PDB file of N, CA and C in Angstrom:
ATOM      1  N   UNK A   1     -30.526 -81.294 -89.478  1.00  0.00           N
ATOM      2  CA  UNK A   1     -32.118 -81.755 -89.229  1.00  0.00           C
ATOM      3  C   UNK A   1     -32.226 -82.050 -87.468  1.00  0.00           C
ATOM      4  N   UNK A   2     -33.071 -81.627 -87.208  1.00  0.00           N
ATOM      5  CA  UNK A   2     -34.171 -81.334 -85.959  1.00  0.00           C
ATOM      6  C   UNK A   2     -34.887 -82.910 -85.800  1.00  0.00           C
ATOM      7  N   UNK A   3     -34.566 -84.030 -84.459  1.00  0.00           N
ATOM      8  CA  UNK A   3     -35.665 -84.239 -84.350  1.00  0.00           C
ATOM      9  C   UNK A   3     -36.516 -84.481 -83.452  1.00  0.00           C
ATOM     10  N   UNK A   4     -38.011 -84.549 -83.566  1.00  0.00           N
ATOM     11  CA  UNK A   4     -39.272 -84.102 -82.822  1.00  0.00           C
ATOM     12  C   UNK A   4     -39.695 -85.178 -82.209  1.00  0.00           C
ATOM     13  N   UNK A   5     -39.567 -85.075 -80.494  1.00  0.00           N
ATOM     14  CA  UNK A   5     -39.966 -86.256 -79.951  1.00  0.00           C
ATOM     15  C   UNK A   5     -41.449 -86.259 -80.297  1.00  0.00           C
ATOM     16  N   UNK A   6     -41.969 -88.021 -79.458  1.00  0.00           N
ATOM     17  CA  UNK A   6     -43.153 -88.384 -80.248  1.00  0.00           C
ATOM     18  C   UNK A   6     -43.979 -87.545 -79.126  1.00  0.00           C
ATOM     19  N   UNK A   7     -45.212 -87.442 -79.459  1.00  0.00           N
ATOM     20  CA  UNK A   7     -46.031 -86.763 -78.874  1.00  0.00           C
ATOM     21  C   UNK A   7     -46.587 -87.991 -77.747  1.00  0.00           C
ATOM     22  N   UNK A   8     -46.608 -87.649 -76.211  1.00  0.00           N
ATOM     23  CA  UNK A   8     -46.835 -88.170 -75.603  1.00  0.00           C
ATOM     24  C   UNK A   8     -48.538 -89.164 -75.206  1.00  0.00           C
ATOM     25  N   UNK A   9     -49.039 -88.175 -75.995  1.00  0.00           N
ATOM     26  CA  UNK A   9     -50.503 -88.348 -76.132  1.00  0.00           C
ATOM     27  C   UNK A   9     -51.236 -89.342 -77.200  1.00  0.00           C
ATOM     28  N   UNK A  10     -50.131 -90.350 -77.410  1.00  0.00           N
ATOM     29  CA  UNK A  10     -51.144 -90.779 -78.677  1.00  0.00           C
ATOM     30  C   UNK A  10     -51.950 -91.943 -78.010  1.00  0.00           C
ATOM     31  N   UNK A  11     -53.119 -92.580 -79.091  1.00  0.00           N
ATOM     32  CA  UNK A  11     -53.758 -93.154 -78.766  1.00  0.00           C
ATOM     33  C   UNK A  11     -53.942 -94.044 -77.721  1.00  0.00           C
ATOM     34  N   UNK A  12     -52.736 -95.007 -78.216  1.00  0.00           N
ATOM     35  CA  UNK A  12     -52.645 -96.568 -77.280  1.00  0.00           C
ATOM     36  C   UNK A  12     -52.068 -95.573 -75.683  1.00  0.00           C
ATOM     37  N   UNK A  13     -51.670 -93.989 -75.368  1.00  0.00           N
ATOM     38  CA  UNK A  13     -51.531 -93.906 -74.170  1.00  0.00           C
ATOM     39  C   UNK A  13     -52.203 -93.371 -73.064  1.00  0.00           C
ATOM     40  N   UNK A  14     -54.226 -92.748 -74.128  1.00  0.00           N
ATOM     41  CA  UNK A  14     -55.155 -92.390 -73.543  1.00  0.00           C
ATOM     42  C   UNK A  14     -55.848 -93.777 -72.819  1.00  0.00           C
ATOM     43  N   UNK A  15     -55.998 -92.647 -71.200  1.00  0.00           N
ATOM     44  CA  UNK A  15     -56.789 -93.867 -70.303  1.00  0.00           C
ATOM     45  C   UNK A  15     -57.971 -94.083 -71.280  1.00  0.00           C
ATOM     46  N   UNK A  16     -58.327 -95.756 -71.513  1.00  0.00           N
ATOM     47  CA  UNK A  16     -60.015 -95.965 -71.693  1.00  0.00           C
ATOM     48  C   UNK A  16     -61.116 -95.430 -71.040  1.00  0.00           C
ATOM     49  N   UNK A  17     -61.780 -94.909 -71.650  1.00  0.00           N
ATOM     50  CA  UNK A  17     -63.190 -94.418 -71.739  1.00  0.00           C
ATOM     51  C   UNK A  17     -64.204 -95.711 -71.090  1.00  0.00           C
ATOM     52  N   UNK A  18     -64.426 -94.606 -69.848  1.00  0.00           N
ATOM     53  CA  UNK A  18     -65.253 -95.940 -68.838  1.00  0.00           C
ATOM     54  C   UNK A  18     -66.873 -95.389 -68.654  1.00  0.00           C
ATOM     55  N   UNK A  19     -67.651 -96.474 -69.072  1.00  0.00           N
ATOM     56  CA  UNK A  19     -68.976 -95.598 -68.878  1.00  0.00           C
ATOM     57  C   UNK A  19     -69.351 -94.758 -67.489  1.00  0.00           C
ATOM     58  N   UNK A  20     -69.729 -93.590 -67.692  1.00  0.00           N
ATOM     59  CA  UNK A  20     -69.965 -92.946 -65.795  1.00  0.00           C
ATOM     60  C   UNK A  20     -68.877 -92.052 -66.066  1.00  0.00           C
ATOM     61  N   UNK A  21     -67.648 -91.669 -66.283  1.00  0.00           N
ATOM     62  CA  UNK A  21     -66.763 -91.094 -66.371  1.00  0.00           C
ATOM     63  C   UNK A  21     -66.294 -90.150 -67.894  1.00  0.00           C
ATOM     64  N   UNK A  22     -65.913 -88.858 -67.456  1.00  0.00           N
ATOM     65  CA  UNK A  22     -65.247 -88.594 -68.591  1.00  0.00           C
ATOM     66  C   UNK A  22     -64.074 -88.237 -68.555  1.00  0.00           C
ATOM     67  N   UNK A  23     -62.638 -87.669 -68.985  1.00  0.00           N
ATOM     68  CA  UNK A  23     -61.591 -87.891 -68.831  1.00  0.00           C
ATOM     69  C   UNK A  23     -60.870 -88.433 -67.886  1.00  0.00           C
ATOM     70  N   UNK A  24     -61.565 -89.248 -67.215  1.00  0.00           N
ATOM     71  CA  UNK A  24     -60.924 -89.687 -65.451  1.00  0.00           C
ATOM     72  C   UNK A  24     -61.857 -89.438 -64.508  1.00  0.00           C
ATOM     73  N   UNK A  25     -62.918 -88.605 -64.405  1.00  0.00           N
ATOM     74  CA  UNK A  25     -63.393 -88.124 -64.145  1.00  0.00           C
ATOM     75  C   UNK A  25     -64.830 -88.328 -63.142  1.00  0.00           C
ATOM     76  N   UNK A  26     -65.364 -88.913 -62.435  1.00  0.00           N
ATOM     77  CA  UNK A  26     -66.685 -89.671 -62.453  1.00  0.00           C
ATOM     78  C   UNK A  26     -67.810 -88.696 -62.329  1.00  0.00           C
ATOM     79  N   UNK A  27     -68.833 -89.731 -63.447  1.00  0.00           N
ATOM     80  CA  UNK A  27     -70.047 -88.388 -63.246  1.00  0.00           C
ATOM     81  C   UNK A  27     -71.049 -88.470 -62.009  1.00  0.00           C
ATOM     82  N   UNK A  28     -71.102 -87.423 -61.635  1.00  0.00           N
ATOM     83  CA  UNK A  28     -72.563 -88.002 -60.326  1.00  0.00           C
ATOM     84  C   UNK A  28     -73.722 -88.052 -61.280  1.00  0.00           C
ATOM     85  N   UNK A  29     -74.185 -88.537 -60.596  1.00  0.00           N
ATOM     86  CA  UNK A  29     -75.582 -89.353 -60.908  1.00  0.00           C
ATOM     87  C   UNK A  29     -76.785 -88.367 -60.599  1.00  0.00           C
ATOM     88  N   UNK A  30     -78.053 -88.126 -61.408  1.00  0.00           N
ATOM     89  CA  UNK A  30     -78.802 -87.163 -61.016  1.00  0.00           C
ATOM     90  C   UNK A  30     -79.235 -87.210 -59.499  1.00  0.00           C
ATOM     91  N   UNK A  31     -79.793 -86.404 -59.558  1.00  0.00           N
ATOM     92  CA  UNK A  31     -80.430 -85.883 -57.855  1.00  0.00           C
ATOM     93  C   UNK A  31     -81.724 -86.071 -57.871  1.00  0.00           C
ATOM     94  N   UNK A  32     -82.808 -86.704 -59.046  1.00  0.00           N
ATOM     95  CA  UNK A  32     -83.742 -86.978 -59.089  1.00  0.00           C
ATOM     96  C   UNK A  32     -83.789 -88.517 -58.956  1.00  0.00           C
ATOM     97  N   UNK A  33     -83.328 -88.846 -60.131  1.00  0.00           N
ATOM     98  CA  UNK A  33     -83.770 -90.814 -60.645  1.00  0.00           C
ATOM     99  C   UNK A  33     -82.089 -91.194 -60.415  1.00  0.00           C
ATOM    100  N   UNK A  34     -81.327 -90.717 -60.710  1.00  0.00           N
ATOM    101  CA  UNK A  34     -79.975 -91.521 -60.451  1.00  0.00           C
ATOM    102  C   UNK A  34     -79.285 -91.536 -61.517  1.00  0.00           C
ATOM    103  N   UNK A  35     -79.947 -91.502 -62.967  1.00  0.00           N
ATOM    104  CA  UNK A  35     -79.003 -91.444 -64.552  1.00  0.00           C
ATOM    105  C   UNK A  35     -77.828 -90.725 -64.176  1.00  0.00           C
ATOM    106  N   UNK A  36     -76.929 -91.178 -65.104  1.00  0.00           N
ATOM    107  CA  UNK A  36     -75.783 -90.372 -64.916  1.00  0.00           C
ATOM    108  C   UNK A  36     -76.042 -88.549 -65.500  1.00  0.00           C
ATOM    109  N   UNK A  37     -75.723 -88.064 -64.905  1.00  0.00           N
ATOM    110  CA  UNK A  37     -75.846 -86.482 -64.931  1.00  0.00           C
ATOM    111  C   UNK A  37     -75.046 -86.044 -66.458  1.00  0.00           C
ATOM    112  N   UNK A  38     -75.911 -85.041 -66.958  1.00  0.00           N
ATOM    113  CA  UNK A  38     -75.342 -84.097 -68.352  1.00  0.00           C
ATOM    114  C   UNK A  38     -75.428 -82.552 -67.922  1.00  0.00           C
ATOM    115  N   UNK A  39     -76.034 -82.251 -66.317  1.00  0.00           N
ATOM    116  CA  UNK A  39     -75.708 -80.498 -66.471  1.00  0.00           C
ATOM    117  C   UNK A  39     -76.383 -80.271 -64.965  1.00  0.00           C
ATOM    118  N   UNK A  40     -76.320 -79.178 -64.592  1.00  0.00           N
ATOM    119  CA  UNK A  40     -76.357 -78.598 -63.114  1.00  0.00           C
ATOM    120  C   UNK A  40     -77.746 -77.200 -63.504  1.00  0.00           C
ATOM    121  N   UNK A  41     -78.394 -77.684 -62.877  1.00  0.00           N
ATOM    122  CA  UNK A  41     -79.499 -76.476 -62.953  1.00  0.00           C
ATOM    123  C   UNK A  41     -79.774 -75.646 -61.289  1.00  0.00           C
ATOM    124  N   UNK A  42     -79.676 -74.532 -61.305  1.00  0.00           N
ATOM    125  CA  UNK A  42     -79.902 -74.292 -59.715  1.00  0.00           C
ATOM    126  C   UNK A  42     -82.006 -73.892 -59.630  1.00  0.00           C
ATOM    127  N   UNK A  43     -81.431 -74.630 -58.228  1.00  0.00           N
ATOM    128  CA  UNK A  43     -82.796 -75.619 -57.354  1.00  0.00           C
ATOM    129  C   UNK A  43     -84.033 -74.375 -56.881  1.00  0.00           C
ATOM    130  N   UNK A  44     -83.564 -73.171 -56.987  1.00  0.00           N
ATOM    131  CA  UNK A  44     -84.091 -72.160 -56.924  1.00  0.00           C
ATOM    132  C   UNK A  44     -84.319 -71.934 -54.852  1.00  0.00           C
ATOM    133  N   UNK A  45     -83.566 -72.698 -54.148  1.00  0.00           N
ATOM    134  CA  UNK A  45     -84.018 -72.621 -52.798  1.00  0.00           C
ATOM    135  C   UNK A  45     -82.989 -71.651 -52.022  1.00  0.00           C
ATOM    136  N   UNK A  46     -82.129 -71.062 -52.533  1.00  0.00           N
ATOM    137  CA  UNK A  46     -81.145 -70.287 -51.897  1.00  0.00           C
ATOM    138  C   UNK A  46     -81.577 -69.212 -51.118  1.00  0.00           C
ATOM    139  N   UNK A  47     -81.571 -68.855 -49.390  1.00  0.00           N
ATOM    140  CA  UNK A  47     -82.088 -67.637 -48.869  1.00  0.00           C
ATOM    141  C   UNK A  47     -81.661 -66.543 -49.818  1.00  0.00           C
ATOM    142  N   UNK A  48     -80.339 -66.625 -50.141  1.00  0.00           N
ATOM    143  CA  UNK A  48     -79.699 -65.625 -50.400  1.00  0.00           C
ATOM    144  C   UNK A  48     -79.290 -65.255 -52.242  1.00  0.00           C
ATOM    145  N   UNK A  49     -80.425 -65.303 -52.965  1.00  0.00           N
ATOM    146  CA  UNK A  49     -80.637 -65.894 -54.317  1.00  0.00           C
ATOM    147  C   UNK A  49     -79.839 -63.976 -54.764  1.00  0.00           C
ATOM    148  N   UNK A  50     -79.479 -64.340 -55.915  1.00  0.00           N
ATOM    149  CA  UNK A  50     -78.799 -62.614 -56.425  1.00  0.00           C
ATOM    150  C   UNK A  50     -79.826 -62.956 -58.213  1.00  0.00           C
ATOM    151  N   UNK A  51     -79.769 -61.633 -58.139  1.00  0.00           N
ATOM    152  CA  UNK A  51     -81.034 -61.449 -59.231  1.00  0.00           C
ATOM    153  C   UNK A  51     -80.294 -61.317 -60.752  1.00  0.00           C
ATOM    154  N   UNK A  52     -80.693 -61.326 -61.901  1.00  0.00           N
ATOM    155  CA  UNK A  52     -79.656 -60.364 -63.148  1.00  0.00           C
ATOM    156  C   UNK A  52     -81.102 -60.128 -63.567  1.00  0.00           C
ATOM    157  N   UNK A  53     -81.109 -58.954 -63.507  1.00  0.00           N
ATOM    158  CA  UNK A  53     -81.918 -57.668 -64.722  1.00  0.00           C
ATOM    159  C   UNK A  53     -81.948 -58.531 -66.077  1.00  0.00           C
ATOM    160  N   UNK A  54     -80.324 -58.460 -66.529  1.00  0.00           N
ATOM    161  CA  UNK A  54     -80.154 -58.402 -67.723  1.00  0.00           C
ATOM    162  C   UNK A  54     -81.153 -59.733 -68.101  1.00  0.00           C
ATOM    163  N   UNK A  55     -81.205 -61.184 -67.648  1.00  0.00           N
ATOM    164  CA  UNK A  55     -81.664 -61.997 -68.262  1.00  0.00           C
ATOM    165  C   UNK A  55     -83.387 -62.373 -67.315  1.00  0.00           C
ATOM    166  N   UNK A  56     -83.518 -61.660 -65.980  1.00  0.00           N
ATOM    167  CA  UNK A  56     -83.948 -61.947 -65.332  1.00  0.00           C
ATOM    168  C   UNK A  56     -84.793 -63.218 -64.467  1.00  0.00           C
ATOM    169  N   UNK A  57     -83.431 -63.379 -64.386  1.00  0.00           N
ATOM    170  CA  UNK A  57     -83.576 -65.035 -63.744  1.00  0.00           C
ATOM    171  C   UNK A  57     -82.685 -64.535 -62.312  1.00  0.00           C
ATOM    172  N   UNK A  58     -83.051 -65.546 -61.088  1.00  0.00           N
ATOM    173  CA  UNK A  58     -82.108 -65.737 -59.861  1.00  0.00           C
ATOM    174  C   UNK A  58     -81.013 -66.274 -60.160  1.00  0.00           C
ATOM    175  N   UNK A  59     -80.214 -66.203 -59.461  1.00  0.00           N
ATOM    176  CA  UNK A  59     -78.485 -67.425 -59.614  1.00  0.00           C
ATOM    177  C   UNK A  59     -78.355 -67.459 -58.082  1.00  0.00           C
ATOM    178  N   UNK A  60     -77.311 -68.356 -57.923  1.00  0.00           N
ATOM    179  CA  UNK A  60     -77.015 -68.234 -56.495  1.00  0.00           C
ATOM    180  C   UNK A  60     -75.419 -68.479 -56.694  1.00  0.00           C
ATOM    181  N   UNK A  61     -74.453 -67.916 -55.320  1.00  0.00           N
ATOM    182  CA  UNK A  61     -73.078 -67.814 -55.590  1.00  0.00           C
ATOM    183  C   UNK A  61     -73.382 -69.218 -54.736  1.00  0.00           C
ATOM    184  N   UNK A  62     -73.397 -70.372 -54.234  1.00  0.00           N
ATOM    185  CA  UNK A  62     -73.507 -71.502 -53.599  1.00  0.00           C
ATOM    186  C   UNK A  62     -73.885 -72.295 -54.289  1.00  0.00           C
ATOM    187  N   UNK A  63     -72.413 -73.413 -54.497  1.00  0.00           N
ATOM    188  CA  UNK A  63     -72.584 -74.215 -55.800  1.00  0.00           C
ATOM    189  C   UNK A  63     -73.831 -75.767 -55.237  1.00  0.00           C
ATOM    190  N   UNK A  64     -73.981 -75.617 -54.019  1.00  0.00           N
ATOM    191  CA  UNK A  64     -74.587 -76.526 -53.441  1.00  0.00           C
ATOM    192  C   UNK A  64     -75.769 -76.272 -54.284  1.00  0.00           C
ATOM    193  N   UNK A  65     -76.566 -74.943 -54.120  1.00  0.00           N
ATOM    194  CA  UNK A  65     -78.052 -74.820 -54.720  1.00  0.00           C
ATOM    195  C   UNK A  65     -77.637 -75.183 -56.733  1.00  0.00           C
ATOM    196  N   UNK A  66     -76.901 -75.999 -56.852  1.00  0.00           N
ATOM    197  CA  UNK A  66     -77.084 -75.971 -58.171  1.00  0.00           C
ATOM    198  C   UNK A  66     -76.368 -78.103 -58.119  1.00  0.00           C
ATOM    199  N   UNK A  67     -78.003 -78.862 -58.272  1.00  0.00           N
ATOM    200  CA  UNK A  67     -77.745 -80.082 -58.330  1.00  0.00           C
ATOM    201  C   UNK A  67     -77.300 -80.924 -59.974  1.00  0.00           C
ATOM    202  N   UNK A  68     -77.294 -82.128 -59.454  1.00  0.00           N
ATOM    203  CA  UNK A  68     -76.734 -82.552 -60.876  1.00  0.00           C
ATOM    204  C   UNK A  68     -77.759 -82.838 -61.205  1.00  0.00           C
ATOM    205  N   UNK A  69     -78.249 -83.233 -62.875  1.00  0.00           N
ATOM    206  CA  UNK A  69     -79.492 -83.487 -63.454  1.00  0.00           C
ATOM    207  C   UNK A  69     -78.848 -84.232 -64.647  1.00  0.00           C
ATOM    208  N   UNK A  70     -80.022 -85.281 -65.183  1.00  0.00           N
ATOM    209  CA  UNK A  70     -80.045 -86.142 -66.052  1.00  0.00           C
ATOM    210  C   UNK A  70     -80.573 -84.814 -67.563  1.00  0.00           C
ATOM    211  N   UNK A  71     -80.617 -85.548 -68.261  1.00  0.00           N
ATOM    212  CA  UNK A  71     -81.214 -85.125 -69.773  1.00  0.00           C
ATOM    213  C   UNK A  71     -82.656 -85.194 -69.628  1.00  0.00           C
ATOM    214  N   UNK A  72     -83.056 -85.705 -69.006  1.00  0.00           N
ATOM    215  CA  UNK A  72     -84.316 -85.695 -68.599  1.00  0.00           C
ATOM    216  C   UNK A  72     -85.282 -84.685 -67.054  1.00  0.00           C
ATOM    217  N   UNK A  73     -84.061 -84.172 -67.025  1.00  0.00           N
ATOM    218  CA  UNK A  73     -84.406 -83.325 -65.938  1.00  0.00           C
ATOM    219  C   UNK A  73     -84.307 -82.173 -65.812  1.00  0.00           C
TER     220      UNK A  73
END
């Protein structure tokens, strides 16, 4: 009979979840109000914006034009 080693990711070995963090990574504050961000959205300010004809939207290759925003923004 082969023995299987116990999983190293048990409940007791996981890092505690800290408000403002997901998986040990800090959640950046919303660029508008400072609340914890939930998403990023294109700000429309890139002078080299790309147009997607399928969606009819502009987008940027520069991640600096995607500020973190909270649920309300």
